[in-house]
């Protein structure tokens, strides 16, 4: 696998701000380093552990944000957005029922689902963004 298309801090900040504008919540970072750490986590898996599994890398983005809680509010949403954006940047869409997706992120946030379980869930719901429309 060629090097993944990583997501940028500004992208997550903008998605987070948009989410807060739509759904409410307190804006701001608890600490910039917490977000930086969360965003470098998948790169470390790629560089140092040799992980080329797109679902595992997407899960690492989500878990980084869920564990670090870099935002004052909306960390679950930011984790979901990071996961989805990474998939999209790397040629995949996430096709899952909204309620099912929210439950999975909540389970991960509550430590009821592991990073590997989230990756497995992602694998079952990711589809190629280049697929032909057969309708």
N, C-alpha and C. Protein backbone atom coordinates (compact mmCIF):
# COMPACT_ATOMS: atom_id res chain seq x y z
N UNK A 1 0.85 -1.19 0.00
CA UNK A 1 0.00 0.00 0.00
C UNK A 1 0.89 1.24 0.00
N UNK A 2 0.54 2.19 -0.85
CA UNK A 2 1.27 3.45 -0.84
C UNK A 2 0.92 4.21 0.44
N UNK A 3 1.69 5.23 0.71
CA UNK A 3 1.47 6.01 1.92
C UNK A 3 0.05 6.58 1.93
N UNK A 4 -0.63 6.43 3.03
CA UNK A 4 -2.00 6.96 3.12
C UNK A 4 -2.03 8.48 3.02
N UNK A 5 -3.19 8.99 2.68
CA UNK A 5 -3.44 10.43 2.70
C UNK A 5 -3.90 10.77 4.11
N UNK A 6 -3.02 11.37 4.88
CA UNK A 6 -3.32 11.69 6.27
C UNK A 6 -4.24 12.89 6.35
N UNK A 7 -4.91 13.03 7.47
CA UNK A 7 -5.78 14.19 7.64
C UNK A 7 -5.02 15.27 8.40
N UNK A 8 -5.39 16.49 8.14
CA UNK A 8 -4.71 17.63 8.72
C UNK A 8 -5.49 18.18 9.92
N UNK A 9 -4.76 18.73 10.81
CA UNK A 9 -5.34 19.31 12.02
C UNK A 9 -6.42 20.34 11.67
N UNK A 10 -6.14 21.20 10.71
CA UNK A 10 -7.11 22.22 10.34
C UNK A 10 -8.43 21.60 9.88
N UNK A 11 -8.36 20.49 9.18
CA UNK A 11 -9.58 19.81 8.71
C UNK A 11 -10.44 19.39 9.89
N UNK A 12 -9.82 18.79 10.90
CA UNK A 12 -10.57 18.35 12.08
C UNK A 12 -11.11 19.55 12.85
N UNK A 13 -10.32 20.59 12.97
CA UNK A 13 -10.79 21.80 13.66
C UNK A 13 -12.01 22.39 12.96
N UNK A 14 -11.98 22.42 11.63
CA UNK A 14 -13.11 22.97 10.89
C UNK A 14 -14.35 22.08 10.99
N UNK A 15 -14.16 20.76 10.87
CA UNK A 15 -15.30 19.85 11.03
C UNK A 15 -15.89 19.94 12.42
N UNK A 16 -15.03 20.05 13.42
CA UNK A 16 -15.48 20.17 14.81
C UNK A 16 -16.28 21.46 14.99
N UNK A 17 -15.76 22.56 14.48
CA UNK A 17 -16.47 23.84 14.60
C UNK A 17 -17.82 23.80 13.90
N UNK A 18 -17.87 23.19 12.73
CA UNK A 18 -19.13 23.06 11.99
C UNK A 18 -20.13 22.21 12.78
N UNK A 19 -19.65 21.14 13.39
CA UNK A 19 -20.51 20.28 14.19
C UNK A 19 -21.08 21.02 15.39
N UNK A 20 -20.23 21.80 16.05
CA UNK A 20 -20.71 22.58 17.20
C UNK A 20 -21.73 23.61 16.78
N UNK A 21 -21.52 24.24 15.63
CA UNK A 21 -22.48 25.23 15.14
C UNK A 21 -23.83 24.59 14.87
N UNK A 22 -23.81 23.35 14.38
CA UNK A 22 -25.06 22.67 14.06
C UNK A 22 -25.72 22.01 15.27
N UNK A 23 -24.92 21.40 16.14
CA UNK A 23 -25.47 20.61 17.23
C UNK A 23 -25.27 21.20 18.62
N UNK A 24 -24.48 22.24 18.72
CA UNK A 24 -24.23 22.88 20.01
C UNK A 24 -23.05 22.28 20.74
N UNK A 25 -22.64 22.96 21.78
CA UNK A 25 -21.52 22.52 22.58
C UNK A 25 -20.51 23.64 22.73
N UNK A 26 -19.61 23.45 23.66
CA UNK A 26 -18.59 24.46 23.94
C UNK A 26 -17.42 24.32 22.97
N UNK A 27 -17.03 25.43 22.38
CA UNK A 27 -15.93 25.42 21.42
C UNK A 27 -14.59 25.55 22.13
N UNK A 28 -13.58 24.95 21.57
CA UNK A 28 -12.23 25.12 22.07
C UNK A 28 -11.52 23.81 22.34
N UNK A 29 -10.20 23.93 22.43
CA UNK A 29 -9.35 22.79 22.75
C UNK A 29 -8.99 22.83 24.22
N UNK A 30 -8.95 21.65 24.83
CA UNK A 30 -8.43 21.56 26.20
C UNK A 30 -6.94 21.80 26.19
N UNK A 31 -6.28 21.17 25.21
CA UNK A 31 -4.85 21.34 25.05
C UNK A 31 -4.48 20.93 23.63
N UNK A 32 -3.74 21.79 22.96
CA UNK A 32 -3.36 21.55 21.57
C UNK A 32 -2.57 20.25 21.42
N UNK A 33 -1.71 19.94 22.37
CA UNK A 33 -0.90 18.73 22.30
C UNK A 33 -1.72 17.46 22.30
N UNK A 34 -2.89 17.49 22.93
CA UNK A 34 -3.76 16.32 22.95
C UNK A 34 -4.29 16.01 21.55
N UNK A 35 -4.62 17.06 20.80
CA UNK A 35 -5.08 16.84 19.43
C UNK A 35 -3.91 16.40 18.55
N UNK A 36 -2.77 17.05 18.70
CA UNK A 36 -1.58 16.67 17.92
C UNK A 36 -1.25 15.19 18.15
N UNK A 37 -1.29 14.76 19.38
CA UNK A 37 -0.99 13.37 19.73
C UNK A 37 -1.99 12.42 19.07
N UNK A 38 -3.26 12.78 19.12
CA UNK A 38 -4.30 11.93 18.51
C UNK A 38 -4.10 11.81 17.00
N UNK A 39 -3.69 12.90 16.36
CA UNK A 39 -3.55 12.90 14.91
C UNK A 39 -2.27 12.20 14.43
N UNK A 40 -1.29 12.07 15.30
CA UNK A 40 -0.06 11.39 14.90
C UNK A 40 -0.13 9.88 15.17
N UNK A 41 -1.09 9.47 15.95
CA UNK A 41 -1.23 8.06 16.33
C UNK A 41 -1.29 7.11 15.12
N UNK A 42 -2.14 7.36 14.13
CA UNK A 42 -2.18 6.45 12.96
C UNK A 42 -0.87 6.47 12.17
N UNK A 43 -0.23 7.61 12.10
CA UNK A 43 1.06 7.69 11.40
C UNK A 43 2.10 6.82 12.09
N UNK A 44 2.06 6.80 13.41
CA UNK A 44 2.99 5.94 14.14
C UNK A 44 2.72 4.47 13.86
N UNK A 45 1.44 4.10 13.77
CA UNK A 45 1.10 2.72 13.42
C UNK A 45 1.65 2.38 12.04
N UNK A 46 1.52 3.30 11.12
CA UNK A 46 2.01 3.10 9.75
C UNK A 46 3.53 3.00 9.72
N UNK A 47 4.18 3.98 10.33
CA UNK A 47 5.64 4.07 10.25
C UNK A 47 6.37 3.02 11.09
N UNK A 48 5.92 2.82 12.31
CA UNK A 48 6.69 2.01 13.26
C UNK A 48 6.17 0.59 13.46
N UNK A 49 4.88 0.38 13.17
CA UNK A 49 4.32 -0.96 13.33
C UNK A 49 3.97 -1.60 11.99
N UNK A 50 4.14 -0.85 10.92
CA UNK A 50 3.92 -1.39 9.59
C UNK A 50 2.46 -1.66 9.26
N UNK A 51 1.53 -1.03 9.95
CA UNK A 51 0.12 -1.26 9.67
C UNK A 51 -0.28 -0.58 8.37
N UNK A 52 -0.78 -1.38 7.43
CA UNK A 52 -1.28 -0.82 6.18
C UNK A 52 -2.78 -1.04 6.04
N UNK A 53 -3.42 -1.42 7.13
CA UNK A 53 -4.85 -1.68 7.17
C UNK A 53 -5.60 -0.35 7.33
N UNK A 54 -6.27 0.06 6.27
CA UNK A 54 -6.97 1.35 6.27
C UNK A 54 -7.97 1.43 7.42
N UNK A 55 -8.69 0.36 7.68
CA UNK A 55 -9.68 0.37 8.78
C UNK A 55 -8.98 0.54 10.13
N UNK A 56 -7.85 -0.11 10.32
CA UNK A 56 -7.11 0.02 11.58
C UNK A 56 -6.58 1.44 11.76
N UNK A 57 -6.13 2.05 10.67
CA UNK A 57 -5.63 3.41 10.75
C UNK A 57 -6.77 4.40 11.04
N UNK A 58 -7.92 4.17 10.42
CA UNK A 58 -9.09 5.01 10.70
C UNK A 58 -9.52 4.86 12.16
N UNK A 59 -9.49 3.63 12.65
CA UNK A 59 -9.82 3.37 14.05
C UNK A 59 -8.84 4.08 14.98
N UNK A 60 -7.57 4.11 14.60
CA UNK A 60 -6.56 4.79 15.41
C UNK A 60 -6.84 6.29 15.51
N UNK A 61 -7.31 6.89 14.44
CA UNK A 61 -7.72 8.31 14.51
C UNK A 61 -8.83 8.48 15.54
N UNK A 62 -9.86 7.66 15.41
CA UNK A 62 -10.99 7.77 16.33
C UNK A 62 -10.56 7.54 17.77
N UNK A 63 -9.79 6.49 18.01
CA UNK A 63 -9.38 6.19 19.37
C UNK A 63 -8.45 7.26 19.94
N UNK A 64 -7.61 7.83 19.10
CA UNK A 64 -6.75 8.91 19.57
C UNK A 64 -7.56 10.06 20.13
N UNK A 65 -8.60 10.44 19.42
CA UNK A 65 -9.45 11.55 19.87
C UNK A 65 -10.30 11.13 21.07
N UNK A 66 -10.85 9.91 21.01
CA UNK A 66 -11.70 9.44 22.12
C UNK A 66 -10.92 9.32 23.43
N UNK A 67 -9.68 8.90 23.36
CA UNK A 67 -8.88 8.73 24.57
C UNK A 67 -8.27 10.03 25.08
N UNK A 68 -7.87 10.90 24.15
CA UNK A 68 -7.22 12.14 24.56
C UNK A 68 -8.19 13.24 24.95
N UNK A 69 -9.41 13.19 24.46
CA UNK A 69 -10.40 14.25 24.71
C UNK A 69 -9.81 15.64 24.50
N UNK A 70 -9.31 15.93 23.29
CA UNK A 70 -8.65 17.21 23.09
C UNK A 70 -9.61 18.41 23.09
N UNK A 71 -10.88 18.17 22.78
CA UNK A 71 -11.84 19.27 22.69
C UNK A 71 -12.62 19.43 23.99
N UNK A 72 -13.08 20.64 24.24
CA UNK A 72 -13.90 20.88 25.42
C UNK A 72 -15.22 20.16 25.33
N UNK A 73 -15.71 19.96 24.11
CA UNK A 73 -16.99 19.29 23.88
C UNK A 73 -16.96 18.68 22.48
N UNK A 74 -17.74 17.65 22.26
CA UNK A 74 -17.89 17.08 20.93
C UNK A 74 -16.79 16.14 20.51
N UNK A 75 -16.11 15.51 21.45
CA UNK A 75 -15.03 14.59 21.10
C UNK A 75 -15.52 13.36 20.34
N UNK A 76 -16.69 12.83 20.70
CA UNK A 76 -17.23 11.67 19.98
C UNK A 76 -17.48 12.01 18.52
N UNK A 77 -18.08 13.16 18.29
CA UNK A 77 -18.34 13.59 16.91
C UNK A 77 -17.04 13.81 16.15
N UNK A 78 -16.08 14.44 16.80
CA UNK A 78 -14.78 14.69 16.16
C UNK A 78 -14.09 13.36 15.81
N UNK A 79 -14.21 12.38 16.69
CA UNK A 79 -13.62 11.06 16.44
C UNK A 79 -14.26 10.42 15.22
N UNK A 80 -15.57 10.51 15.13
CA UNK A 80 -16.29 9.95 13.99
C UNK A 80 -15.89 10.68 12.69
N UNK A 81 -15.81 12.01 12.75
CA UNK A 81 -15.43 12.78 11.57
C UNK A 81 -14.02 12.44 11.12
N UNK A 82 -13.10 12.29 12.06
CA UNK A 82 -11.71 11.96 11.72
C UNK A 82 -11.66 10.60 11.02
N UNK A 83 -12.38 9.66 11.57
CA UNK A 83 -12.43 8.31 11.01
C UNK A 83 -12.99 8.37 9.58
N UNK A 84 -14.11 9.03 9.40
CA UNK A 84 -14.74 9.12 8.08
C UNK A 84 -13.91 9.90 7.08
N UNK A 85 -13.30 10.98 7.52
CA UNK A 85 -12.48 11.78 6.62
C UNK A 85 -11.26 11.00 6.16
N UNK A 86 -10.63 10.27 7.07
CA UNK A 86 -9.48 9.47 6.68
C UNK A 86 -9.89 8.42 5.64
N UNK A 87 -11.01 7.76 5.88
CA UNK A 87 -11.48 6.76 4.90
C UNK A 87 -11.72 7.41 3.55
N UNK A 88 -12.39 8.53 3.55
CA UNK A 88 -12.72 9.21 2.30
C UNK A 88 -11.46 9.64 1.55
N UNK A 89 -10.50 10.18 2.28
CA UNK A 89 -9.25 10.63 1.65
C UNK A 89 -8.47 9.47 1.05
N UNK A 90 -8.79 8.26 1.50
CA UNK A 90 -8.07 7.09 1.04
C UNK A 90 -8.92 6.16 0.18
N UNK A 91 -10.00 6.71 -0.38
CA UNK A 91 -10.77 5.99 -1.39
C UNK A 91 -11.93 5.16 -0.89
N UNK A 92 -12.40 5.43 0.33
CA UNK A 92 -13.51 4.65 0.88
C UNK A 92 -14.59 5.56 1.42
N UNK A 93 -15.79 5.04 1.43
CA UNK A 93 -16.92 5.65 2.11
C UNK A 93 -17.33 4.74 3.25
N UNK A 94 -17.93 5.32 4.24
CA UNK A 94 -18.46 4.54 5.35
C UNK A 94 -19.97 4.47 5.16
N UNK A 95 -20.49 3.26 4.97
CA UNK A 95 -21.93 3.08 4.80
C UNK A 95 -22.47 2.35 6.01
N UNK A 96 -23.05 3.12 6.90
CA UNK A 96 -23.61 2.55 8.13
C UNK A 96 -24.81 3.38 8.55
N UNK A 97 -25.73 2.72 9.17
CA UNK A 97 -26.88 3.39 9.76
C UNK A 97 -26.38 4.38 10.80
N UNK A 98 -26.96 5.58 10.83
CA UNK A 98 -26.51 6.63 11.78
C UNK A 98 -26.58 6.16 13.23
N UNK A 99 -27.65 5.48 13.56
CA UNK A 99 -27.81 5.02 14.94
C UNK A 99 -26.74 3.97 15.27
N UNK A 100 -26.52 3.04 14.36
CA UNK A 100 -25.50 2.02 14.56
C UNK A 100 -24.12 2.65 14.70
N UNK A 101 -23.82 3.63 13.85
CA UNK A 101 -22.52 4.31 13.92
C UNK A 101 -22.37 5.05 15.24
N UNK A 102 -23.42 5.75 15.67
CA UNK A 102 -23.35 6.48 16.94
C UNK A 102 -23.16 5.52 18.11
N UNK A 103 -23.84 4.39 18.06
CA UNK A 103 -23.69 3.39 19.13
C UNK A 103 -22.27 2.84 19.17
N UNK A 104 -21.69 2.60 18.00
CA UNK A 104 -20.33 2.06 17.96
C UNK A 104 -19.33 3.06 18.51
N UNK A 105 -19.45 4.31 18.13
CA UNK A 105 -18.55 5.34 18.65
C UNK A 105 -18.74 5.49 20.16
N UNK A 106 -19.98 5.43 20.61
CA UNK A 106 -20.24 5.55 22.05
C UNK A 106 -19.63 4.37 22.81
N UNK A 107 -19.76 3.16 22.25
CA UNK A 107 -19.15 1.98 22.88
C UNK A 107 -17.64 2.14 22.98
N UNK A 108 -17.03 2.65 21.91
CA UNK A 108 -15.59 2.88 21.93
C UNK A 108 -15.22 3.95 22.96
N UNK A 109 -16.00 5.01 23.01
CA UNK A 109 -15.74 6.08 23.97
C UNK A 109 -15.87 5.59 25.41
N UNK A 110 -16.81 4.70 25.64
CA UNK A 110 -17.04 4.16 26.98
C UNK A 110 -16.14 2.97 27.31
N UNK A 111 -15.21 2.67 26.41
CA UNK A 111 -14.27 1.55 26.56
C UNK A 111 -14.97 0.18 26.60
N UNK A 112 -16.12 0.12 25.96
CA UNK A 112 -16.84 -1.15 25.83
C UNK A 112 -16.45 -1.86 24.53
N UNK A 113 -15.80 -1.14 23.63
CA UNK A 113 -15.31 -1.71 22.37
C UNK A 113 -13.85 -1.31 22.24
N UNK A 114 -13.03 -2.25 21.84
CA UNK A 114 -11.60 -1.99 21.68
C UNK A 114 -11.32 -1.33 20.33
N UNK A 115 -10.11 -0.87 20.19
CA UNK A 115 -9.69 -0.29 18.92
C UNK A 115 -9.79 -1.32 17.80
N UNK A 116 -9.43 -2.56 18.10
CA UNK A 116 -9.53 -3.64 17.11
C UNK A 116 -10.99 -3.92 16.75
N UNK A 117 -11.89 -3.85 17.73
CA UNK A 117 -13.32 -4.06 17.44
C UNK A 117 -13.86 -2.94 16.57
N UNK A 118 -13.42 -1.71 16.85
CA UNK A 118 -13.86 -0.60 16.00
C UNK A 118 -13.33 -0.79 14.58
N UNK A 119 -12.08 -1.21 14.45
CA UNK A 119 -11.52 -1.46 13.12
C UNK A 119 -12.31 -2.55 12.38
N UNK A 120 -12.70 -3.59 13.09
CA UNK A 120 -13.49 -4.66 12.48
C UNK A 120 -14.85 -4.12 12.03
N UNK A 121 -15.46 -3.27 12.85
CA UNK A 121 -16.74 -2.66 12.50
C UNK A 121 -16.57 -1.79 11.24
N UNK A 122 -15.50 -1.02 11.21
CA UNK A 122 -15.23 -0.17 10.03
C UNK A 122 -15.09 -1.04 8.79
N UNK A 123 -14.35 -2.13 8.89
CA UNK A 123 -14.13 -3.03 7.74
C UNK A 123 -15.45 -3.52 7.16
N UNK A 124 -16.43 -3.79 8.02
CA UNK A 124 -17.71 -4.30 7.53
C UNK A 124 -18.59 -3.20 6.93
N UNK A 125 -18.23 -1.94 7.16
CA UNK A 125 -19.05 -0.83 6.67
C UNK A 125 -18.34 0.07 5.66
N UNK A 126 -17.10 -0.23 5.33
CA UNK A 126 -16.41 0.61 4.36
C UNK A 126 -16.55 0.02 2.96
N UNK A 127 -16.80 0.91 2.01
CA UNK A 127 -16.95 0.50 0.62
C UNK A 127 -16.09 1.42 -0.23
N UNK A 128 -15.64 0.91 -1.35
CA UNK A 128 -14.83 1.72 -2.25
C UNK A 128 -15.62 2.93 -2.72
N UNK A 129 -15.02 4.08 -2.66
CA UNK A 129 -15.66 5.30 -3.14
C UNK A 129 -15.74 5.32 -4.66
N UNK A 130 -14.97 4.45 -5.31
CA UNK A 130 -14.94 4.40 -6.77
C UNK A 130 -15.90 3.38 -7.36
N UNK A 131 -16.70 2.75 -6.52
CA UNK A 131 -17.58 1.70 -7.02
C UNK A 131 -18.56 2.26 -8.04
N UNK A 132 -18.94 1.42 -8.97
CA UNK A 132 -19.90 1.80 -10.01
C UNK A 132 -21.31 1.80 -9.43
N UNK A 133 -22.11 2.74 -9.85
CA UNK A 133 -23.50 2.76 -9.46
C UNK A 133 -24.26 1.81 -10.39
N UNK A 134 -24.79 0.73 -9.81
CA UNK A 134 -25.42 -0.31 -10.64
C UNK A 134 -26.94 -0.16 -10.74
N UNK A 135 -27.47 0.92 -10.29
CA UNK A 135 -28.93 1.12 -10.35
C UNK A 135 -29.37 1.47 -11.74
